[in-house]
Protein backbone atom coordinates (compact mmCIF):
# COMPACT_ATOMS: atom_id res chain seq x y z
CA MET A 1 -24.25 22.67 13.15
CA LYS A 2 -24.65 24.29 9.76
CA PHE A 3 -22.53 24.92 6.58
CA THR A 4 -22.32 24.92 2.73
CA ALA A 5 -19.46 23.89 0.52
CA THR A 6 -19.12 23.33 -2.83
CA LYS A 7 -20.22 18.94 -3.84
CA GLU A 8 -16.94 18.92 -5.15
CA LYS A 9 -14.89 19.98 -2.05
CA LEU A 10 -17.15 17.82 0.29
CA LEU A 11 -16.95 14.29 -2.31
CA GLU A 12 -13.11 15.07 -2.15
CA GLY A 13 -13.23 15.02 1.53
CA LEU A 14 -15.38 11.84 1.54
CA GLN A 15 -13.30 10.01 -0.56
CA GLN A 16 -10.16 10.41 1.47
CA VAL A 17 -11.68 9.04 4.52
CA GLN A 18 -14.55 6.43 3.39
CA ASN A 19 -12.16 3.24 2.55
CA VAL A 20 -11.27 2.89 6.60
CA VAL A 21 -15.26 2.79 7.30
CA SER A 22 -15.71 -0.85 7.91
CA THR A 23 -18.79 -2.65 5.92
CA ARG A 24 -18.95 -5.53 8.39
CA THR A 25 -18.79 -3.92 11.74
CA THR A 26 -20.61 -4.80 14.86
CA LEU A 27 -20.89 -1.14 15.99
CA PRO A 28 -23.02 0.85 14.19
CA ILE A 29 -20.52 3.93 15.10
CA LEU A 30 -17.85 2.63 13.20
CA SER A 31 -20.14 2.70 9.69
CA ASN A 32 -20.05 6.50 10.65
CA VAL A 33 -18.15 9.43 9.48
CA LEU A 34 -17.25 12.36 12.12
CA LEU A 35 -17.97 15.64 10.54
CA GLN A 36 -16.64 18.46 12.86
CA ALA A 37 -17.77 22.20 11.96
CA GLN A 38 -15.20 24.85 12.48
CA GLU A 39 -14.55 28.01 11.30
CA GLY A 40 -13.11 27.99 7.88
CA GLY A 41 -13.60 24.29 7.66
CA VAL A 42 -15.22 20.72 8.27
CA SER A 43 -13.17 18.07 9.61
CA LEU A 44 -13.96 14.06 8.54
CA THR A 45 -12.86 11.44 10.94
CA THR A 46 -13.30 7.91 10.15
CA THR A 47 -12.12 4.43 11.75
CA ASP A 48 -12.30 0.87 12.46
CA LEU A 49 -10.45 0.69 15.51
CA ASP A 50 -7.17 -0.36 14.03
CA VAL A 51 -6.78 2.21 11.56
CA GLY A 52 -8.23 5.77 11.66
CA VAL A 53 -8.20 8.85 9.03
CA ARG A 54 -9.06 12.31 9.39
CA GLY A 55 -9.24 14.92 6.46
CA LYS A 56 -10.15 18.65 6.14
CA PHE A 57 -12.23 20.49 3.69
CA GLU A 58 -13.00 24.34 3.05
CA ALA A 59 -16.49 25.36 3.70
CA ASN A 60 -18.74 28.44 4.85
CA VAL A 61 -19.56 27.40 8.56
CA GLU A 62 -22.64 29.63 9.74
CA LYS A 63 -22.99 27.17 12.71
CA VAL A 64 -20.15 25.27 14.37
CA GLY A 65 -20.98 22.06 15.67
CA ALA A 66 -20.26 18.21 15.38
CA THR A 67 -22.14 14.81 14.64
CA THR A 68 -21.50 11.30 12.87
CA LEU A 69 -23.46 10.17 9.84
CA PRO A 70 -23.63 7.07 7.67
CA ALA A 71 -20.69 7.68 5.95
CA ARG A 72 -21.36 5.50 2.57
CA ARG A 73 -24.76 6.66 2.46
CA LEU A 74 -23.94 10.31 3.10
CA PHE A 75 -20.88 9.66 0.08
CA THR A 76 -23.58 8.37 -2.18
CA ILE A 77 -26.18 10.91 -1.20
CA ILE A 78 -23.50 13.72 -2.13
CA ARG A 79 -22.10 11.84 -5.59
CA GLU A 80 -25.86 12.10 -7.01
CA LEU A 81 -26.73 15.71 -6.01
CA PRO A 82 -27.83 17.55 -9.19
CA SER A 83 -26.28 21.52 -7.98
CA SER A 84 -22.69 22.34 -7.13
CA GLU A 85 -23.70 23.77 -3.91
CA VAL A 86 -24.78 21.61 -0.96
CA SER A 87 -25.99 22.89 2.37
CA ILE A 88 -26.00 20.61 5.24
CA GLU A 89 -27.62 21.56 8.89
CA VAL A 90 -27.93 19.26 11.43
CA ASP A 91 -30.52 19.57 14.60
CA GLY A 92 -30.28 18.58 18.53
CA LYS A 93 -31.10 14.81 17.68
CA ASN A 94 -28.46 14.61 14.60
CA ALA A 95 -30.72 14.26 12.08
CA ALA A 96 -28.99 16.17 8.98
CA SER A 97 -30.90 17.96 6.17
CA ILE A 98 -29.21 18.45 2.81
CA ARG A 99 -30.32 20.63 0.21
CA SER A 100 -28.42 20.73 -3.21
CA GLY A 101 -30.91 22.78 -5.62
CA GLN A 102 -34.24 21.21 -6.10
CA SER A 103 -33.42 17.84 -3.76
CA PHE A 104 -33.49 17.26 -0.26
CA PHE A 105 -32.88 14.62 2.02
CA LYS A 106 -32.72 14.11 5.72
CA ILE A 107 -30.76 11.38 7.50
CA LEU A 108 -30.37 10.37 10.61
CA GLY A 109 -26.91 10.29 12.65
CA LEU A 110 -25.38 9.66 15.76
CA PRO A 111 -23.98 11.74 18.82
CA GLU A 112 -19.94 12.73 18.44
CA GLU A 113 -19.37 11.33 22.07
CA GLU A 114 -19.82 7.80 20.72
CA PHE A 115 -17.28 8.41 18.22
CA PRO A 116 -13.87 6.43 19.49
CA PRO A 117 -10.99 8.91 19.50
CA LEU A 118 -8.05 8.75 17.22
CA PRO A 119 -5.25 8.16 19.63
CA LYS A 120 -2.84 11.22 20.71
CA PHE A 121 0.97 11.09 19.77
CA GLU A 122 2.59 13.10 22.96
CA ASN A 123 5.69 11.49 23.45
CA ALA A 124 6.02 10.10 19.87
CA LYS A 125 9.74 9.66 17.89
CA VAL A 126 8.86 11.87 14.61
CA VAL A 127 10.96 11.42 11.25
CA THR A 128 9.93 13.98 8.39
CA MET A 129 11.08 12.81 4.89
CA ARG A 130 9.60 13.24 1.73
CA GLN A 131 6.41 11.94 0.04
CA LYS A 132 7.84 10.53 -3.37
CA ASP A 133 10.54 8.60 -1.19
CA LEU A 134 8.03 6.76 0.94
CA ARG A 135 5.17 6.25 -1.85
CA GLU A 136 8.11 4.97 -4.49
CA GLY A 137 9.33 2.65 -1.30
CA LEU A 138 6.15 1.25 -0.54
CA ARG A 139 5.31 1.01 -4.53
CA LYS A 140 8.23 -1.49 -4.78
CA THR A 141 8.09 -4.00 -2.07
CA SER A 142 4.45 -3.72 -0.93
CA TYR A 143 2.92 -6.32 -3.34
CA ALA A 144 5.01 -8.97 -1.33
CA ILE A 145 3.08 -8.68 1.52
CA SER A 146 1.60 -12.13 3.05
CA THR A 147 -2.15 -12.84 2.55
CA ASP A 148 -1.86 -15.75 5.26
CA GLU A 149 -3.14 -14.63 8.14
CA THR A 150 -1.43 -17.41 10.44
CA ARG A 151 1.71 -16.11 9.92
CA TYR A 152 0.47 -12.45 10.98
CA VAL A 153 4.00 -10.61 11.44
CA LEU A 154 4.20 -10.58 8.02
CA ASN A 155 0.47 -9.47 7.31
CA GLY A 156 2.38 -5.66 7.08
CA VAL A 157 5.55 -4.07 5.91
CA LEU A 158 8.86 -3.39 7.98
CA PHE A 159 9.91 -0.09 8.40
CA SER A 160 13.16 -0.33 10.24
CA PHE A 161 14.73 2.88 11.19
CA LYS A 162 18.39 2.23 11.70
CA GLU A 163 21.81 3.88 11.22
CA ASN A 164 20.25 7.37 9.34
CA LYS A 165 17.86 5.29 6.74
CA LEU A 166 14.52 3.97 6.59
CA THR A 167 14.71 -0.37 5.38
CA LEU A 168 11.11 -1.18 4.12
CA VAL A 169 10.82 -5.06 3.88
CA ALA A 170 7.91 -7.51 2.59
CA THR A 171 8.15 -10.99 2.19
CA ASP A 172 5.40 -13.69 2.45
CA GLY A 173 8.21 -16.76 2.66
CA ARG A 174 8.32 -17.32 -0.60
CA ARG A 175 9.71 -13.80 -2.29
CA LEU A 176 11.13 -10.77 -0.55
CA ALA A 177 11.19 -7.30 -1.52
CA MET A 178 13.65 -4.52 0.49
CA VAL A 179 14.40 -0.92 0.02
CA ASP A 180 16.58 1.52 1.23
CA ILE A 181 16.03 5.22 1.59
CA GLU A 182 18.77 7.53 3.08
CA LEU A 183 17.12 9.61 6.11
CA GLU A 184 18.69 11.30 9.02
CA PHE A 185 17.13 10.94 12.47
CA PRO A 186 18.85 10.79 15.59
CA ARG A 187 20.02 7.63 17.57
CA SER A 188 17.10 7.63 19.72
CA HIS A 189 14.72 7.58 16.94
CA GLU A 190 15.96 4.08 15.76
CA ALA A 191 13.00 0.95 15.61
CA ASP A 192 11.98 -1.70 13.79
CA ILE A 193 8.29 -1.70 13.59
CA ILE A 194 5.10 -3.38 11.41
CA VAL A 195 2.90 -1.37 9.82
CA PRO A 196 -0.46 -3.51 8.83
CA THR A 197 -1.60 -4.34 5.20
CA LYS A 198 -4.72 -1.47 5.20
CA ALA A 199 -3.03 1.24 6.55
CA VAL A 200 -0.07 0.54 4.16
CA THR A 201 -2.77 0.45 1.35
CA GLU A 202 -4.44 3.96 2.95
CA LEU A 203 -1.04 5.49 2.29
CA GLN A 204 -0.26 4.16 -0.64
CA ARG A 205 -3.87 6.41 -2.04
CA LEU A 206 -3.00 9.42 -0.24
CA LEU A 207 0.72 9.82 -0.73
CA THR A 208 1.94 12.15 -3.54
CA ASP A 209 5.28 13.07 -5.28
CA ASP A 210 5.11 16.42 -3.81
CA GLY A 211 6.02 17.96 -0.24
CA ASP A 212 6.63 16.25 2.91
CA VAL A 213 5.15 13.37 5.45
CA LYS A 214 5.91 13.65 8.76
CA VAL A 215 6.06 10.00 10.73
CA SER A 216 5.25 9.96 13.98
CA VAL A 217 5.98 6.32 15.96
CA GLY A 218 3.87 6.01 19.25
CA THR A 219 3.56 2.93 21.57
CA GLY A 220 2.23 0.11 19.28
CA GLN A 221 0.91 3.01 17.17
CA ILE A 222 2.07 5.23 14.32
CA ALA A 223 0.57 8.08 12.70
CA PHE A 224 1.46 9.53 8.95
CA ASP A 225 0.85 13.23 8.76
CA LEU A 226 0.51 14.56 4.74
CA ASN A 227 -1.56 17.05 2.64
CA ASN A 228 -4.13 18.32 5.87
CA THR A 229 -4.74 14.64 6.15
CA LEU A 230 -3.85 12.14 9.20
CA LEU A 231 -3.53 8.41 8.92
CA VAL A 232 -3.14 6.67 12.18
CA SER A 233 -2.67 2.68 12.68
CA LYS A 234 -2.12 0.14 15.18
CA LEU A 235 1.00 -1.29 14.55
CA ILE A 236 1.32 -5.03 14.16
CA GLU A 237 2.66 -6.53 17.29
CA GLY A 238 5.66 -8.93 17.08
CA ASN A 239 9.17 -9.77 15.76
CA TYR A 240 9.56 -9.33 11.98
CA PRO A 241 11.78 -12.60 10.87
CA ASN A 242 15.33 -11.87 10.32
CA TYR A 243 14.97 -11.20 6.49
CA LYS A 244 18.99 -10.79 6.14
CA GLN A 245 19.32 -14.44 6.14
CA VAL A 246 17.22 -15.00 3.07
CA ILE A 247 19.61 -12.46 1.13
CA PRO A 248 22.11 -14.71 -1.14
CA THR A 249 25.60 -13.36 -0.17
CA GLU A 250 27.14 -14.81 -3.58
CA THR A 251 26.07 -14.39 -7.36
CA LYS A 252 27.52 -16.68 -9.91
CA GLU A 253 25.78 -15.23 -13.00
CA ARG A 254 24.03 -11.73 -14.04
CA VAL A 255 21.77 -11.35 -16.85
CA THR A 256 21.07 -7.49 -17.63
CA LEU A 257 17.68 -7.24 -18.87
CA GLU A 258 15.45 -4.21 -20.76
CA ARG A 259 12.31 -4.81 -17.63
CA GLU A 260 9.68 -4.06 -20.14
CA THR A 261 10.76 -6.42 -22.71
CA PHE A 262 11.08 -9.15 -20.24
CA LEU A 263 7.83 -8.31 -18.56
CA ASN A 264 6.39 -8.58 -21.97
CA CYS A 265 7.66 -12.16 -22.31
CA LEU A 266 6.71 -13.32 -19.57
CA ARG A 267 3.22 -12.22 -19.60
CA ARG A 268 2.88 -13.66 -22.69
CA VAL A 269 4.20 -17.20 -22.10
CA SER A 270 2.50 -17.20 -18.65
CA LEU A 271 -0.98 -17.20 -20.33
CA LEU A 272 -0.51 -21.22 -20.97
CA ALA A 273 1.24 -21.89 -17.30
CA SER A 274 -1.27 -23.97 -15.70
CA ASP A 275 -2.77 -23.11 -12.22
CA LYS A 276 -1.99 -26.13 -10.36
CA SER A 277 2.13 -26.13 -11.35
CA ASN A 278 1.91 -22.19 -12.02
CA SER A 279 5.72 -22.05 -13.04
CA ILE A 280 7.37 -20.84 -16.06
CA LYS A 281 10.98 -22.15 -16.58
CA LEU A 282 13.86 -19.89 -18.12
CA ASN A 283 16.27 -21.60 -19.67
CA PHE A 284 19.88 -19.95 -19.68
CA THR A 285 22.21 -21.02 -23.10
CA LYS A 286 24.83 -18.41 -24.59
CA ASN A 287 23.64 -14.94 -25.02
CA ASN A 288 20.09 -16.47 -24.67
CA ILE A 289 17.07 -17.24 -22.66
CA ASP A 290 13.97 -18.93 -23.66
CA ILE A 291 11.06 -18.59 -21.28
CA THR A 292 8.62 -21.89 -21.79
CA ALA A 293 5.56 -22.71 -20.32
CA ASN A 294 4.51 -25.95 -20.94
CA THR A 295 0.91 -27.73 -19.69
CA PRO A 296 -0.13 -31.02 -20.56
CA GLU A 297 -3.64 -30.66 -21.15
CA VAL A 298 -3.25 -27.52 -22.42
CA GLY A 299 -0.66 -26.84 -24.77
CA GLU A 300 2.90 -24.79 -24.45
CA ALA A 301 4.05 -21.11 -24.82
CA LYS A 302 7.72 -20.31 -25.81
CA GLU A 303 9.45 -16.74 -25.98
CA THR A 304 13.38 -16.35 -26.78
CA LEU A 305 15.17 -13.29 -25.52
CA PRO A 306 18.45 -12.41 -26.73
CA VAL A 307 20.62 -11.33 -23.84
CA ALA A 308 24.27 -10.94 -23.03
CA TYR A 309 24.88 -13.98 -21.28
CA LYS A 310 27.84 -16.03 -21.26
CA GLY A 311 28.00 -18.07 -18.28
CA ARG A 312 26.99 -22.01 -18.08
CA GLU A 313 23.93 -23.72 -19.73
CA PHE A 314 20.81 -23.94 -16.90
CA SER A 315 17.50 -23.97 -16.57
CA ILE A 316 15.29 -22.73 -13.31
CA ALA A 317 11.72 -22.07 -12.83
CA PHE A 318 9.93 -19.43 -10.92
CA ASN A 319 6.26 -18.61 -10.38
CA PRO A 320 5.23 -16.08 -13.14
CA GLU A 321 3.20 -13.99 -11.11
CA PHE A 322 5.96 -13.30 -8.06
CA LEU A 323 8.57 -12.75 -11.14
CA MET A 324 6.60 -10.12 -13.27
CA ALA A 325 5.11 -8.26 -9.71
CA PRO A 326 8.77 -6.12 -9.31
CA LEU A 327 9.11 -5.67 -13.02
CA ARG A 328 5.54 -3.88 -13.03
CA ASN A 329 6.53 -1.84 -9.90
CA LEU A 330 9.56 -0.70 -10.79
CA SER A 331 10.19 2.23 -13.47
CA GLU A 332 13.55 1.90 -14.33
CA ASP A 333 14.21 0.67 -18.00
CA GLU A 334 17.22 -2.35 -16.74
CA VAL A 335 17.30 -4.97 -14.43
CA PHE A 336 19.71 -7.01 -13.45
CA PHE A 337 19.27 -10.74 -12.54
CA ASP A 338 21.47 -12.53 -10.31
CA LEU A 339 21.28 -16.10 -10.03
CA ILE A 340 23.35 -19.05 -8.37
CA ASP A 341 21.95 -22.34 -9.29
CA GLU A 342 18.66 -24.31 -10.05
CA MET A 343 18.07 -24.46 -6.39
CA SER A 344 19.37 -21.05 -5.20
CA PRO A 345 16.99 -17.82 -5.05
CA GLY A 346 17.23 -15.41 -7.84
CA VAL A 347 18.05 -11.95 -6.76
CA LEU A 348 16.57 -8.93 -8.69
CA LYS A 349 18.45 -5.65 -8.34
CA ILE A 350 18.57 -2.03 -10.25
CA GLN A 351 20.61 0.45 -9.61
CA THR A 352 19.64 1.66 -6.70
CA PRO A 353 19.49 0.48 -3.50
CA PHE A 354 16.64 -2.09 -3.87
CA LEU A 355 16.36 -5.99 -4.24
CA TYR A 356 13.82 -8.78 -4.68
CA VAL A 357 14.70 -12.33 -3.74
CA LEU A 358 12.60 -15.31 -5.50
CA MET A 359 12.49 -19.15 -4.76
CA PRO A 360 12.22 -20.78 -7.46
CA MET A 361 10.21 -23.49 -8.51
CA ARG A 362 11.12 -27.47 -8.52
CA ILE A 363 11.24 -28.26 -12.08
CA SER A 364 9.85 -31.79 -12.75
CA SER A 365 12.00 -33.33 -15.45
């Protein structure tokens, strides 16, 4: 196997696949990247057995072939090379000679036969959608994924394909983010699947605002085909909890807020929220919200936010980080905050089909 490519193309290709490589693996082959040189280009594949990614870059291939090389080491070497042209030649024993300008490196690889193949998606349900829609949907929901590994079904995003729409849901039990995306697909493609956090993170890195993404759902597996890259992942087994039952069906008060202003107020006040109680209080009075944090051993902070509010006076407390998360990930100027009372969840909404449910915290009087 022998090929020549620009340093830029090679780095770009490696960057696309190297995040999947596991740093703590008992199988040495999983630390490697599979390089397959065919006419016109070289494809790169990495996997940790749960998530796999395959990309491709342009190269002048003199001799076709395949090998696997240590992914991180290869990336580090290519990044430091002095010249923009890189030549890689692999001998029959999987030793790769890398030349660039006056530099020469030799690294030892493992045979391609040892590399676990990515799953095939022969009888998969295929749906095609705009990358931009999926990218925005994941940005608006993925921050609410649970990190508690004992509730493994919550360690991912629910993709619910129902009635010509894709609903994305993420929750950790204390908050829930949900978005609906209009999408046409046959009834036979309806399904509820849970895509794990690592695959969601990789997918968010790969998605752009242009073009489509082809989503293939197989048995226990999912694949995303986009921008000359294929991302495959195992799905989380199990049933996602009934998220609809935590969404309040009534609203007593609705406050319209300027997202950026509200976020900035929360950020400043949260500087004095204690690590222990980690709550800030919203005190609603006529045309006003007082946002306060009070930590006896540290001090207190207060911001007054003028709003169009005519309802009854009451106070409700929230975890500031949880309240700020959706505000950071939305792009709309205006958000609506729907409230019932001190003990019921607050619901954040925008003009498009999105909602964020947040459980209040107990207020110590």
